[in-house]
Amino acid sequence: MMNRIVFACLLLSLYSAGSSLSCRWLSHKFRQHTENSLELLDTMANNSTNTTEDAELEVAFPHDLYTQASKASVGERLGFIVQILEQTAALFEEAHNSTLWEEKTVEDFLNVVTQQADGLRSCNGSNSHKKNKKLQMYFKRLSGHILGRMGHSAEAWELIRREIKIHLFRADQLASSLLTTN
């Protein structure tokens, strides 16, 4: 009987230690990676010859989705941030051949964003999060409406770069809120 109690306590302590360790990445690395990705986006802007401030086409930023995500469970918030990072990576995969940005900068940006998504997945453990369809549609509109209609021009990519910068900033805020609730 005593062995079972000791075994149960041992399992409980290992589980507790494991669950707190799994999100150590969030508190130690996520902010660092966000700062790195924002710096890379700024480098892309500095390397761009485009100075256009106005755009013919716009896709409304999904503020309401962030509001909903901020009220969701920890696992759903992590899943939402992961989805933003995955969608961002997918969008910037298109940038390799159609931008004036240095290929190395784009590759570094993709690596950082992918590392962030992987790190957050490790925090969420085996909890698979269902994709937010509205967020998915928003990124499709960015790709089709902005990039497609504007012919993957430098102006279109500058709009995308600015939108993604806002997303990464908002995702960082959402991640920071997770640290205060844990």
C-alpha atoms as a PDB file:
ATOM      1  CA  MET A   1       0.000   0.000   0.000  1.00  0.00           C
ATOM      2  CA  MET A   2       2.766   2.408   0.945  1.00  0.00           C
ATOM      3  CA  ASN A   3       4.584   1.615  -2.323  1.00  0.00           C
ATOM      4  CA  ARG A   4       1.478   2.597  -4.299  1.00  0.00           C
ATOM      5  CA  ILE A   5       1.206   5.922  -2.487  1.00  0.00           C
ATOM      6  CA  VAL A   6       4.892   6.672  -3.035  1.00  0.00           C
ATOM      7  CA  PHE A   7       4.561   5.647  -6.686  1.00  0.00           C
ATOM      8  CA  ALA A   8       1.469   7.840  -7.121  1.00  0.00           C
ATOM      9  CA  CYS A   9       3.259  10.804  -5.515  1.00  0.00           C
ATOM     10  CA  LEU A  10       6.281  10.234  -7.718  1.00  0.00           C
ATOM     11  CA  LEU A  11       4.136  10.143 -10.868  1.00  0.00           C
ATOM     12  CA  LEU A  12       2.266  13.267  -9.811  1.00  0.00           C
ATOM     13  CA  SER A  13       5.487  15.167  -9.127  1.00  0.00           C
ATOM     14  CA  LEU A  14       7.011  14.046 -12.434  1.00  0.00           C
ATOM     15  CA  TYR A  15       3.871  15.089 -14.293  1.00  0.00           C
ATOM     16  CA  SER A  16       3.841  18.488 -12.553  1.00  0.00           C
ATOM     17  CA  ALA A  17       7.532  19.055 -13.269  1.00  0.00           C
ATOM     18  CA  GLY A  18       7.082  17.985 -16.870  1.00  0.00           C
ATOM     19  CA  SER A  19       4.139  20.276 -17.476  1.00  0.00           C
ATOM     20  CA  SER A  20       5.921  23.310 -16.042  1.00  0.00           C
ATOM     21  CA  LEU A  21       9.104  22.486 -17.959  1.00  0.00           C
ATOM     22  CA  SER A  22       7.238  22.185 -21.232  1.00  0.00           C
ATOM     23  CA  CYS A  23       6.314  25.871 -21.140  1.00  0.00           C
ATOM     24  CA  ARG A  24       9.699  27.064 -20.014  1.00  0.00           C
ATOM     25  CA  TRP A  25      10.321  27.700 -23.725  1.00  0.00           C
ATOM     26  CA  LEU A  26       7.480  30.233 -23.723  1.00  0.00           C
ATOM     27  CA  SER A  27       8.901  32.251 -20.853  1.00  0.00           C
ATOM     28  CA  HIS A  28      12.543  32.115 -21.984  1.00  0.00           C
ATOM     29  CA  LYS A  29      12.627  31.912 -25.776  1.00  0.00           C
ATOM     30  CA  PHE A  30       9.385  33.180 -27.313  1.00  0.00           C
ATOM     31  CA  ARG A  31      10.037  36.879 -26.672  1.00  0.00           C
ATOM     32  CA  GLN A  32      13.610  36.552 -27.947  1.00  0.00           C
ATOM     33  CA  HIS A  33      12.387  34.933 -31.169  1.00  0.00           C
ATOM     34  CA  THR A  34       9.690  37.587 -31.587  1.00  0.00           C
ATOM     35  CA  GLU A  35      12.254  40.363 -31.271  1.00  0.00           C
ATOM     36  CA  ASN A  36      14.440  38.577 -33.821  1.00  0.00           C
ATOM     37  CA  SER A  37      11.562  38.151 -36.290  1.00  0.00           C
ATOM     38  CA  LEU A  38      10.539  41.811 -35.925  1.00  0.00           C
ATOM     39  CA  GLU A  39      14.132  42.895 -36.561  1.00  0.00           C
ATOM     40  CA  LEU A  40      14.229  40.740 -39.686  1.00  0.00           C
ATOM     41  CA  LEU A  41      10.973  42.312 -40.902  1.00  0.00           C
ATOM     42  CA  ASP A  42      12.487  45.750 -40.332  1.00  0.00           C
ATOM     43  CA  THR A  43      15.560  44.671 -42.303  1.00  0.00           C
ATOM     44  CA  MET A  44      13.259  43.647 -45.145  1.00  0.00           C
ATOM     45  CA  ALA A  45      11.721  47.118 -45.130  1.00  0.00           C
ATOM     46  CA  ASN A  46      15.167  48.706 -45.172  1.00  0.00           C
ATOM     47  CA  ASN A  47      16.202  46.522 -48.101  1.00  0.00           C
ATOM     48  CA  SER A  48      13.065  47.330 -50.068  1.00  0.00           C
ATOM     49  CA  THR A  49      13.162  50.070 -52.654  1.00  0.00           C
ATOM     50  CA  ASN A  50       9.425  50.584 -52.239  1.00  0.00           C
ATOM     51  CA  THR A  51       8.337  53.767 -50.507  1.00  0.00           C
ATOM     52  CA  THR A  52       4.639  53.588 -51.269  1.00  0.00           C
ATOM     53  CA  GLU A  53       2.476  54.272 -48.233  1.00  0.00           C
ATOM     54  CA  ASP A  54      -0.975  53.911 -49.788  1.00  0.00           C
ATOM     55  CA  ALA A  55      -2.501  50.720 -51.046  1.00  0.00           C
ATOM     56  CA  GLU A  56      -5.208  50.097 -53.558  1.00  0.00           C
ATOM     57  CA  LEU A  57      -6.395  46.991 -51.736  1.00  0.00           C
ATOM     58  CA  GLU A  58      -6.797  46.256 -48.065  1.00  0.00           C
ATOM     59  CA  VAL A  59      -7.841  43.278 -46.004  1.00  0.00           C
ATOM     60  CA  ALA A  60      -9.357  44.176 -42.640  1.00  0.00           C
ATOM     61  CA  PHE A  61      -7.148  43.182 -39.723  1.00  0.00           C
ATOM     62  CA  PRO A  62      -8.910  40.567 -37.554  1.00  0.00           C
ATOM     63  CA  HIS A  63      -8.947  42.455 -34.235  1.00  0.00           C
ATOM     64  CA  ASP A  64     -12.025  40.527 -33.093  1.00  0.00           C
ATOM     65  CA  LEU A  65     -10.163  37.220 -33.436  1.00  0.00           C
ATOM     66  CA  TYR A  66      -7.469  38.448 -31.069  1.00  0.00           C
ATOM     67  CA  THR A  67     -10.130  39.597 -28.605  1.00  0.00           C
ATOM     68  CA  GLN A  68     -11.739  36.150 -28.726  1.00  0.00           C
ATOM     69  CA  ALA A  69      -8.374  34.420 -28.400  1.00  0.00           C
ATOM     70  CA  SER A  70      -7.460  36.497 -25.345  1.00  0.00           C
ATOM     71  CA  LYS A  71     -10.541  35.109 -23.582  1.00  0.00           C
ATOM     72  CA  ALA A  72      -9.911  31.501 -24.618  1.00  0.00           C
ATOM     73  CA  SER A  73      -8.251  28.728 -22.634  1.00  0.00           C
ATOM     74  CA  VAL A  74      -4.460  28.528 -22.444  1.00  0.00           C
ATOM     75  CA  GLY A  75      -4.378  25.656 -24.940  1.00  0.00           C
ATOM     76  CA  GLU A  76      -6.608  27.496 -27.397  1.00  0.00           C
ATOM     77  CA  ARG A  77      -4.486  30.655 -27.109  1.00  0.00           C
ATOM     78  CA  LEU A  78      -1.335  28.653 -27.772  1.00  0.00           C
ATOM     79  CA  GLY A  79      -3.017  27.011 -30.748  1.00  0.00           C
ATOM     80  CA  PHE A  80      -4.124  30.393 -32.092  1.00  0.00           C
ATOM     81  CA  ILE A  81      -0.566  31.775 -31.870  1.00  0.00           C
ATOM     82  CA  VAL A  82       0.823  28.638 -33.517  1.00  0.00           C
ATOM     83  CA  GLN A  83      -1.691  29.045 -36.336  1.00  0.00           C
ATOM     84  CA  ILE A  84      -0.606  32.674 -36.855  1.00  0.00           C
ATOM     85  CA  LEU A  85       3.011  31.572 -37.057  1.00  0.00           C
ATOM     86  CA  GLU A  86       2.244  28.702 -39.438  1.00  0.00           C
ATOM     87  CA  GLN A  87       0.137  30.917 -41.699  1.00  0.00           C
ATOM     88  CA  THR A  88       2.874  33.563 -41.654  1.00  0.00           C
ATOM     89  CA  ALA A  89       5.483  30.996 -42.676  1.00  0.00           C
ATOM     90  CA  ALA A  90       3.249  29.711 -45.476  1.00  0.00           C
ATOM     91  CA  LEU A  91       2.685  33.241 -46.738  1.00  0.00           C
ATOM     92  CA  PHE A  92       6.385  34.124 -46.701  1.00  0.00           C
ATOM     93  CA  GLU A  93       7.277  30.892 -48.497  1.00  0.00           C
ATOM     94  CA  GLU A  94       5.870  32.697 -51.544  1.00  0.00           C
ATOM     95  CA  ALA A  95       8.387  35.526 -51.085  1.00  0.00           C
ATOM     96  CA  HIS A  96      11.473  33.671 -52.278  1.00  0.00           C
ATOM     97  CA  ASN A  97      11.140  34.487 -55.954  1.00  0.00           C
ATOM     98  CA  SER A  98       8.948  37.547 -56.031  1.00  0.00           C
ATOM     99  CA  THR A  99      10.459  40.137 -53.699  1.00  0.00           C
ATOM    100  CA  LEU A 100      13.381  42.476 -53.625  1.00  0.00           C
ATOM    101  CA  TRP A 101      14.289  41.217 -50.151  1.00  0.00           C
ATOM    102  CA  GLU A 102      17.513  39.356 -49.647  1.00  0.00           C
ATOM    103  CA  GLU A 103      16.836  35.635 -49.791  1.00  0.00           C
ATOM    104  CA  LYS A 104      18.932  35.026 -46.667  1.00  0.00           C
ATOM    105  CA  THR A 105      16.809  37.478 -44.656  1.00  0.00           C
ATOM    106  CA  VAL A 106      13.597  35.767 -45.759  1.00  0.00           C
ATOM    107  CA  GLU A 107      15.062  32.341 -44.933  1.00  0.00           C
ATOM    108  CA  ASP A 108      16.176  33.547 -41.501  1.00  0.00           C
ATOM    109  CA  PHE A 109      12.714  34.982 -40.881  1.00  0.00           C
ATOM    110  CA  LEU A 110      11.074  31.696 -41.890  1.00  0.00           C
ATOM    111  CA  ASN A 111      13.429  29.762 -39.605  1.00  0.00           C
ATOM    112  CA  VAL A 112      12.662  31.982 -36.613  1.00  0.00           C
ATOM    113  CA  VAL A 113       8.898  31.831 -37.153  1.00  0.00           C
ATOM    114  CA  THR A 114       9.035  28.043 -37.593  1.00  0.00           C
ATOM    115  CA  GLN A 115      11.090  27.692 -34.397  1.00  0.00           C
ATOM    116  CA  GLN A 116       8.494  29.766 -32.542  1.00  0.00           C
ATOM    117  CA  ALA A 117       5.667  27.555 -33.779  1.00  0.00           C
ATOM    118  CA  ASP A 118       7.581  24.392 -32.856  1.00  0.00           C
ATOM    119  CA  GLY A 119       8.423  25.755 -29.415  1.00  0.00           C
ATOM    120  CA  LEU A 120       4.807  26.661 -28.706  1.00  0.00           C
ATOM    121  CA  ARG A 121       3.669  23.248 -29.885  1.00  0.00           C
ATOM    122  CA  SER A 122       5.954  21.750 -27.240  1.00  0.00           C
ATOM    123  CA  CYS A 123       4.248  23.955 -24.632  1.00  0.00           C
ATOM    124  CA  ASN A 124       0.847  22.743 -25.724  1.00  0.00           C
ATOM    125  CA  GLY A 125       1.952  19.119 -25.535  1.00  0.00           C
ATOM    126  CA  SER A 126      -0.328  16.678 -27.254  1.00  0.00           C
ATOM    127  CA  ASN A 127      -3.264  19.092 -27.235  1.00  0.00           C
ATOM    128  CA  SER A 128      -4.155  19.515 -30.858  1.00  0.00           C
ATOM    129  CA  HIS A 129      -5.949  22.737 -31.532  1.00  0.00           C
ATOM    130  CA  LYS A 130      -8.574  23.077 -34.184  1.00  0.00           C
ATOM    131  CA  LYS A 131      -7.756  25.724 -36.729  1.00  0.00           C
ATOM    132  CA  ASN A 132      -9.552  29.040 -36.576  1.00  0.00           C
ATOM    133  CA  LYS A 133     -11.320  29.180 -39.938  1.00  0.00           C
ATOM    134  CA  LYS A 134     -11.692  32.972 -39.877  1.00  0.00           C
ATOM    135  CA  LEU A 135      -7.960  33.393 -39.335  1.00  0.00           C
ATOM    136  CA  GLN A 136      -7.272  30.888 -42.091  1.00  0.00           C
ATOM    137  CA  MET A 137      -9.557  32.830 -44.470  1.00  0.00           C
ATOM    138  CA  TYR A 138      -7.883  36.098 -43.515  1.00  0.00           C
ATOM    139  CA  PHE A 139      -4.459  34.763 -44.521  1.00  0.00           C
ATOM    140  CA  LYS A 140      -5.925  33.368 -47.760  1.00  0.00           C
ATOM    141  CA  ARG A 141      -7.286  36.829 -48.510  1.00  0.00           C
ATOM    142  CA  LEU A 142      -3.857  38.332 -47.852  1.00  0.00           C
ATOM    143  CA  SER A 143      -2.345  35.892 -50.309  1.00  0.00           C
ATOM    144  CA  GLY A 144      -5.046  36.091 -52.963  1.00  0.00           C
ATOM    145  CA  HIS A 145      -6.436  39.582 -52.549  1.00  0.00           C
ATOM    146  CA  ILE A 146      -3.247  41.501 -51.867  1.00  0.00           C
ATOM    147  CA  LEU A 147      -0.485  39.433 -53.445  1.00  0.00           C
ATOM    148  CA  GLY A 148      -2.512  37.896 -56.260  1.00  0.00           C
ATOM    149  CA  ARG A 149      -4.304  41.005 -57.422  1.00  0.00           C
ATOM    150  CA  MET A 150      -1.226  43.155 -57.092  1.00  0.00           C
ATOM    151  CA  GLY A 151       0.901  40.640 -58.998  1.00  0.00           C
ATOM    152  CA  HIS A 152       3.254  39.867 -56.091  1.00  0.00           C
ATOM    153  CA  SER A 153       4.660  43.371 -56.534  1.00  0.00           C
ATOM    154  CA  ALA A 154       7.026  45.097 -54.121  1.00  0.00           C
ATOM    155  CA  GLU A 155       4.118  47.249 -52.962  1.00  0.00           C
ATOM    156  CA  ALA A 156       2.033  44.142 -52.189  1.00  0.00           C
ATOM    157  CA  TRP A 157       4.867  42.566 -50.227  1.00  0.00           C
ATOM    158  CA  GLU A 158       5.374  45.772 -48.276  1.00  0.00           C
ATOM    159  CA  LEU A 159       1.698  45.654 -47.265  1.00  0.00           C
ATOM    160  CA  ILE A 160       2.092  42.017 -46.242  1.00  0.00           C
ATOM    161  CA  ARG A 161       5.262  42.795 -44.294  1.00  0.00           C
ATOM    162  CA  ARG A 162       3.497  45.546 -42.338  1.00  0.00           C
ATOM    163  CA  GLU A 163       0.470  43.336 -41.622  1.00  0.00           C
ATOM    164  CA  ILE A 164       2.653  40.468 -40.422  1.00  0.00           C
ATOM    165  CA  LYS A 165       4.618  42.803 -38.172  1.00  0.00           C
ATOM    166  CA  ILE A 166       1.359  43.744 -36.431  1.00  0.00           C
ATOM    167  CA  HIS A 167       0.403  40.058 -36.148  1.00  0.00           C
ATOM    168  CA  LEU A 168       3.719  39.123 -34.574  1.00  0.00           C
ATOM    169  CA  PHE A 169       3.420  41.983 -32.112  1.00  0.00           C
ATOM    170  CA  ARG A 170      -0.148  40.954 -31.184  1.00  0.00           C
ATOM    171  CA  ALA A 171       0.883  37.292 -30.914  1.00  0.00           C
ATOM    172  CA  ASP A 172       3.660  38.333 -28.536  1.00  0.00           C
ATOM    173  CA  GLN A 173       1.135  40.223 -26.416  1.00  0.00           C
ATOM    174  CA  LEU A 174      -1.110  37.169 -26.360  1.00  0.00           C
ATOM    175  CA  ALA A 175       1.819  34.970 -25.364  1.00  0.00           C
ATOM    176  CA  SER A 176       2.778  37.418 -22.617  1.00  0.00           C
ATOM    177  CA  SER A 177      -0.741  37.161 -21.231  1.00  0.00           C
ATOM    178  CA  LEU A 178      -0.192  33.421 -20.907  1.00  0.00           C
ATOM    179  CA  LEU A 179       2.815  34.034 -18.684  1.00  0.00           C
ATOM    180  CA  THR A 180       0.783  36.152 -16.288  1.00  0.00           C
ATOM    181  CA  THR A 181      -1.955  33.511 -16.038  1.00  0.00           C
ATOM    182  CA  ASN A 182       0.390  30.541 -15.434  1.00  0.00           C
END
